[in-house]
Amino acid sequence: MVHGGAGNPAPERIADEAPFHAALEQAVNAAIAALPHGAPAAAVAAVELLEDRPRFNAGRGSVPTTDRTVEMDAALMCGRSGRAGAVAAVRTVRHPVALARAVLERSPYVMLVAGGAERFAAEHGLERMDPDWFLVPQATDAPGPGTVGAVVLDGDGALAAATSTGGRRGQAPGRVGDTPVIGAGTFADSRRAISMTGDGERILERLSAHTIAVSPAPLAAACDDAIAALGGAHAGLIAVDSSGEIAMPFNTGVMHRGWWTGGTAPVQTRVYE
């Protein structure tokens, strides 16, 4: 499952749904192609695809801070190993989710931020771009698109979750939201995988993704409860459990989602509920 954020954009921002559907389908197909390498690889493949699509608020197309710069956050968690990697406030890494994966696989840490994350990216050969490359007119001049994420259950029963964002439009430099905080915007264990989107501060305060993961309620009910607990704050999520049950609730006007449940069924995409 993949998502491209939940929000309430002006109608003209979503009048042409075809590019959203196309990007979601491409992201799901990227995950399918990477499935032989495991759930974390598939989740990263999907998110990398969306980071390159400037209609979304992640990677290229991220919304600017008050300093008119881009600061990007991402996280990846492997449910089987229980390990996670995350980065925050990065400015030059083309695929922040790939950097999060590198933190998970090539370091003893969970999160690196700002200059330290940039140095780690350079040391490990991740692709980097000029900071201006990430700024595109539609992200700079119009109400923003959404955070992106993926959750995967692979053929071996392993779960993973990945999320990537450019943060909040007009945020203060150095602000970090829920996306890279493990248990807030991103979480996976042996039972459930969750990627959140929406009001980052409220999701952070409630540790929403972890709350869903540990809830004894069925997946759909646990997801609905987590959104209700945000007290009306705007939010959405995608989640899958080890049995293959999926949930994707949101309380906004729009949430971009795509999913594939195996076999030969085509990729399904949805913008409006």
Protein backbone atom coordinates (compact mmCIF):
# COMPACT_ATOMS: atom_id res chain seq x y z
CA MET A 1 0.00 0.00 0.00
CA VAL A 2 1.17 3.53 -0.73
CA HIS A 3 -0.14 6.97 0.09
CA GLY A 4 0.46 10.49 -1.12
CA GLY A 5 -0.84 12.40 1.86
CA ALA A 6 -4.11 13.50 3.40
CA GLY A 7 -5.30 17.08 3.26
CA ASN A 8 -7.84 19.65 2.17
CA PRO A 9 -6.40 21.26 -0.98
CA ALA A 10 -8.35 23.71 -3.09
CA PRO A 11 -10.42 21.99 -5.80
CA GLU A 12 -8.21 23.29 -8.60
CA ARG A 13 -5.23 21.53 -7.03
CA ILE A 14 -6.82 18.12 -7.55
CA ALA A 15 -8.95 18.78 -10.63
CA ASP A 16 -6.74 16.48 -12.71
CA GLU A 17 -6.54 13.21 -10.79
CA ALA A 18 -4.76 11.23 -13.53
CA PRO A 19 -1.20 12.18 -12.51
CA PHE A 20 -1.90 11.19 -8.90
CA HIS A 21 -3.29 7.82 -9.96
CA ALA A 22 -0.38 7.26 -12.34
CA ALA A 23 2.20 8.01 -9.65
CA LEU A 24 0.49 5.74 -7.13
CA GLU A 25 0.35 2.90 -9.64
CA GLN A 26 4.00 3.38 -10.53
CA ALA A 27 4.93 3.35 -6.85
CA VAL A 28 3.02 0.13 -6.20
CA ASN A 29 4.62 -1.47 -9.24
CA ALA A 30 8.06 -0.39 -7.99
CA ALA A 31 7.32 -2.11 -4.69
CA ILE A 32 6.13 -5.27 -6.47
CA ALA A 33 9.37 -5.39 -8.48
CA ALA A 34 11.42 -5.06 -5.29
CA LEU A 35 9.44 -7.65 -3.28
CA PRO A 36 11.97 -10.46 -3.91
CA HIS A 37 14.42 -8.40 -1.86
CA GLY A 38 12.07 -8.20 1.13
CA ALA A 39 9.50 -5.88 2.63
CA PRO A 40 11.88 -3.02 3.57
CA ALA A 41 13.32 -2.90 0.05
CA ALA A 42 9.82 -2.84 -1.44
CA ALA A 43 8.70 -0.03 0.85
CA VAL A 44 11.78 2.03 -0.03
CA ALA A 45 11.28 1.44 -3.76
CA ALA A 46 7.73 2.76 -3.60
CA VAL A 47 8.65 5.84 -1.58
CA GLU A 48 11.66 6.66 -3.76
CA LEU A 49 9.35 6.73 -6.78
CA LEU A 50 7.04 9.20 -5.07
CA GLU A 51 9.95 11.33 -3.84
CA ASP A 52 10.74 11.94 -7.51
CA ARG A 53 7.20 13.07 -8.33
CA PRO A 54 6.89 16.80 -7.58
CA ARG A 55 3.13 16.64 -7.05
CA PHE A 56 3.87 15.24 -3.60
CA ASN A 57 5.46 16.85 -0.55
CA ALA A 58 8.56 14.68 -0.37
CA GLY A 59 11.90 14.81 -2.12
CA ARG A 60 11.53 16.99 -5.22
CA GLY A 61 8.41 19.07 -4.64
CA SER A 62 8.87 19.45 -0.89
CA VAL A 63 7.31 22.59 0.54
CA PRO A 64 9.61 25.41 1.66
CA THR A 65 10.41 26.62 5.16
CA THR A 66 10.16 30.27 6.21
CA ASP A 67 13.73 30.61 4.89
CA ARG A 68 12.55 29.37 1.47
CA THR A 69 14.66 26.24 1.84
CA VAL A 70 13.66 22.59 1.84
CA GLU A 71 14.22 20.37 4.89
CA MET A 72 13.20 16.75 4.38
CA ASP A 73 12.49 13.91 6.82
CA ALA A 74 12.11 10.16 6.25
CA ALA A 75 11.98 6.88 8.13
CA LEU A 76 12.06 3.16 7.46
CA MET A 77 11.25 0.36 9.92
CA CYS A 78 11.65 -3.38 9.43
CA GLY A 79 9.03 -5.32 11.38
CA ARG A 80 10.98 -8.59 11.35
CA SER A 81 14.19 -7.23 12.87
CA GLY A 82 12.55 -4.44 14.87
CA ARG A 83 15.21 -2.04 13.60
CA ALA A 84 14.59 1.41 12.19
CA GLY A 85 16.45 4.19 10.42
CA ALA A 86 15.43 7.82 10.13
CA VAL A 87 16.73 11.19 8.98
CA ALA A 88 15.53 14.74 9.54
CA ALA A 89 16.21 18.21 8.13
CA VAL A 90 18.21 17.02 5.13
CA ARG A 91 18.60 19.42 2.23
CA THR A 92 20.53 17.76 -0.59
CA VAL A 93 19.74 14.02 -0.60
CA ARG A 94 17.64 13.09 -3.63
CA HIS A 95 15.96 10.19 -1.83
CA PRO A 96 15.70 10.80 1.90
CA VAL A 97 14.12 7.36 2.37
CA ALA A 98 17.25 5.77 0.87
CA LEU A 99 19.29 7.66 3.44
CA ALA A 100 17.00 6.35 6.19
CA ARG A 101 17.62 2.85 4.87
CA ALA A 102 21.36 3.45 4.96
CA VAL A 103 21.12 4.58 8.58
CA LEU A 104 19.23 1.37 9.40
CA GLU A 105 21.58 -0.96 7.50
CA ARG A 106 24.97 0.73 7.80
CA SER A 107 25.03 2.41 11.20
CA PRO A 108 24.37 1.64 14.86
CA TYR A 109 21.98 4.60 15.06
CA VAL A 110 18.27 5.14 14.57
CA MET A 111 18.21 8.83 13.53
CA LEU A 112 20.65 11.29 12.01
CA VAL A 113 19.77 14.94 11.38
CA ALA A 114 20.86 17.97 9.39
CA GLY A 115 24.62 18.24 8.84
CA GLY A 116 25.35 14.86 10.36
CA ALA A 117 22.87 13.17 8.05
CA GLU A 118 24.33 15.02 5.06
CA ARG A 119 27.85 13.88 5.96
CA PHE A 120 26.65 10.29 6.34
CA ALA A 121 25.01 10.52 2.90
CA ALA A 122 28.26 11.73 1.35
CA GLU A 123 30.29 9.00 3.06
CA HIS A 124 27.97 6.30 1.75
CA GLY A 125 27.63 7.61 -1.79
CA LEU A 126 23.97 8.56 -1.83
CA GLU A 127 22.82 10.72 -4.72
CA ARG A 128 22.70 14.39 -3.86
CA MET A 129 21.25 17.39 -5.65
CA ASP A 130 21.56 21.15 -5.46
CA PRO A 131 19.06 22.42 -2.86
CA ASP A 132 17.24 24.46 -5.50
CA TRP A 133 16.43 21.26 -7.43
CA PHE A 134 13.91 20.26 -4.76
CA LEU A 135 11.90 23.48 -5.06
CA VAL A 136 9.29 23.42 -7.81
CA PRO A 137 6.71 26.15 -8.60
CA GLN A 138 3.62 24.22 -7.54
CA ALA A 139 5.10 23.43 -4.14
CA THR A 140 6.36 26.98 -3.67
CA ASP A 141 3.35 28.95 -4.90
CA ALA A 142 0.28 26.83 -4.12
CA PRO A 143 -1.26 24.83 -1.28
CA GLY A 144 0.99 21.86 -0.78
CA PRO A 145 0.68 18.24 -1.78
CA GLY A 146 1.10 15.47 0.76
CA THR A 147 3.59 13.35 2.63
CA VAL A 148 4.23 9.95 1.03
CA GLY A 149 4.51 6.51 2.55
CA ALA A 150 4.34 2.76 2.00
CA VAL A 151 3.55 -0.33 4.04
CA VAL A 152 4.39 -3.82 2.82
CA LEU A 153 3.65 -7.41 3.76
CA ASP A 154 5.93 -9.70 1.74
CA GLY A 155 5.57 -13.34 0.79
CA ASP A 156 7.56 -14.46 3.82
CA GLY A 157 5.19 -12.68 6.18
CA ALA A 158 7.59 -9.82 6.98
CA LEU A 159 6.26 -6.27 7.42
CA ALA A 160 7.83 -2.88 6.78
CA ALA A 161 6.82 0.77 6.77
CA ALA A 162 8.44 3.82 5.17
CA THR A 163 7.43 7.48 5.16
CA SER A 164 8.95 10.62 3.62
CA THR A 165 8.00 14.30 3.82
CA GLY A 166 9.05 17.86 3.20
CA GLY A 167 7.30 18.88 6.43
CA ARG A 168 4.80 21.68 6.93
CA ARG A 169 4.55 24.62 4.55
CA GLY A 170 6.23 27.63 6.12
CA GLN A 171 7.66 25.66 9.03
CA ALA A 172 10.52 27.11 11.03
CA PRO A 173 13.95 25.84 10.00
CA GLY A 174 14.83 22.88 12.21
CA ARG A 175 11.24 21.84 12.85
CA VAL A 176 10.79 18.05 12.78
CA GLY A 177 7.37 16.43 12.55
CA ASP A 178 6.05 12.94 13.07
CA THR A 179 7.38 11.26 9.92
CA PRO A 180 10.91 10.34 11.12
CA VAL A 181 9.93 9.69 14.73
CA ILE A 182 9.59 5.96 15.16
CA GLY A 183 6.20 5.16 16.66
CA ALA A 184 4.69 8.49 15.66
CA GLY A 185 4.44 8.67 11.87
CA THR A 186 6.13 5.38 11.04
CA PHE A 187 6.12 1.97 12.73
CA ALA A 188 6.33 -1.73 11.92
CA ASP A 189 6.65 -4.87 14.02
CA SER A 190 5.83 -8.53 13.48
CA ARG A 191 2.10 -7.75 13.73
CA ARG A 192 1.35 -4.46 11.96
CA ALA A 193 2.93 -1.79 9.73
CA ILE A 194 1.69 1.81 9.67
CA SER A 195 2.52 5.01 7.79
CA MET A 196 0.81 8.22 8.96
CA THR A 197 0.19 11.60 7.36
CA GLY A 198 -1.46 14.79 8.56
CA ASP A 199 -0.99 17.12 11.54
CA GLY A 200 2.49 16.10 12.61
CA GLU A 201 2.46 17.76 15.99
CA ARG A 202 -0.71 15.97 17.09
CA ILE A 203 0.49 12.63 15.70
CA LEU A 204 3.75 13.11 17.59
CA GLU A 205 1.97 13.81 20.85
CA ARG A 206 -0.14 10.66 20.54
CA LEU A 207 2.54 8.36 19.08
CA SER A 208 -0.24 7.32 16.77
CA ALA A 209 1.48 4.63 14.71
CA HIS A 210 2.70 2.76 17.78
CA THR A 211 -0.72 3.10 19.39
CA ILE A 212 -2.22 1.30 16.40
CA ALA A 213 0.46 -1.36 16.46
CA VAL A 214 -0.12 -2.34 20.09
CA SER A 215 -3.88 -1.97 20.16
CA PRO A 216 -5.75 -5.22 20.92
CA ALA A 217 -8.58 -4.06 18.63
CA PRO A 218 -8.90 -5.33 15.05
CA LEU A 219 -6.79 -3.33 12.62
CA ALA A 220 -9.57 -1.17 11.16
CA ALA A 221 -10.94 -0.30 14.60
CA ALA A 222 -7.45 0.45 15.96
CA CYS A 223 -6.81 2.83 13.05
CA ASP A 224 -10.15 4.59 13.49
CA ASP A 225 -9.50 4.94 17.23
CA ALA A 226 -6.07 6.48 16.60
CA ILE A 227 -7.50 9.13 14.29
CA ALA A 228 -10.35 9.86 16.70
CA ALA A 229 -7.81 10.30 19.51
CA LEU A 230 -6.26 13.22 17.60
CA GLY A 231 -9.24 15.33 18.62
CA GLY A 232 -10.23 16.48 15.16
CA ALA A 233 -6.71 17.15 13.89
CA HIS A 234 -6.36 16.29 10.22
CA ALA A 235 -4.81 12.89 9.61
CA GLY A 236 -4.81 9.76 7.50
CA LEU A 237 -2.89 6.52 7.38
CA ILE A 238 -2.29 3.24 5.64
CA ALA A 239 -1.80 0.03 7.58
CA VAL A 240 -1.45 -3.70 6.96
CA ASP A 241 -1.21 -6.58 9.39
CA SER A 242 0.46 -9.97 9.26
CA SER A 243 -2.74 -11.64 8.03
CA GLY A 244 -2.99 -9.27 5.06
CA GLU A 245 -5.82 -7.14 6.43
CA ILE A 246 -5.54 -3.52 5.27
CA ALA A 247 -6.92 -0.21 6.54
CA MET A 248 -6.63 3.33 5.15
CA PRO A 249 -8.86 5.78 7.01
CA PHE A 250 -8.60 9.57 6.92
CA ASN A 251 -10.65 12.53 8.11
CA THR A 252 -9.72 15.05 5.41
CA GLY A 253 -11.25 15.93 2.06
CA VAL A 254 -8.63 14.02 0.09
CA MET A 255 -6.17 11.19 0.60
CA HIS A 256 -4.18 9.68 -2.24
CA ARG A 257 -3.77 5.89 -1.90
CA GLY A 258 -2.83 2.87 -3.99
CA TRP A 259 -2.56 -0.81 -3.17
CA TRP A 260 -2.06 -4.31 -4.51
CA THR A 261 -3.01 -7.49 -2.71
CA GLY A 262 -1.19 -10.15 -4.70
CA GLY A 263 -2.16 -12.48 -7.47
CA THR A 264 -3.00 -10.94 -10.82
CA ALA A 265 -5.36 -8.20 -9.65
CA PRO A 266 -4.48 -4.77 -11.07
CA VAL A 267 -3.13 -2.01 -8.89
CA GLN A 268 -5.98 -0.12 -7.27
CA THR A 269 -5.80 3.63 -6.67
CA ARG A 270 -8.08 6.08 -4.99
CA VAL A 271 -8.06 9.81 -4.38
CA TYR A 272 -11.51 10.38 -2.92
CA GLU A 273 -13.22 8.00 -0.50
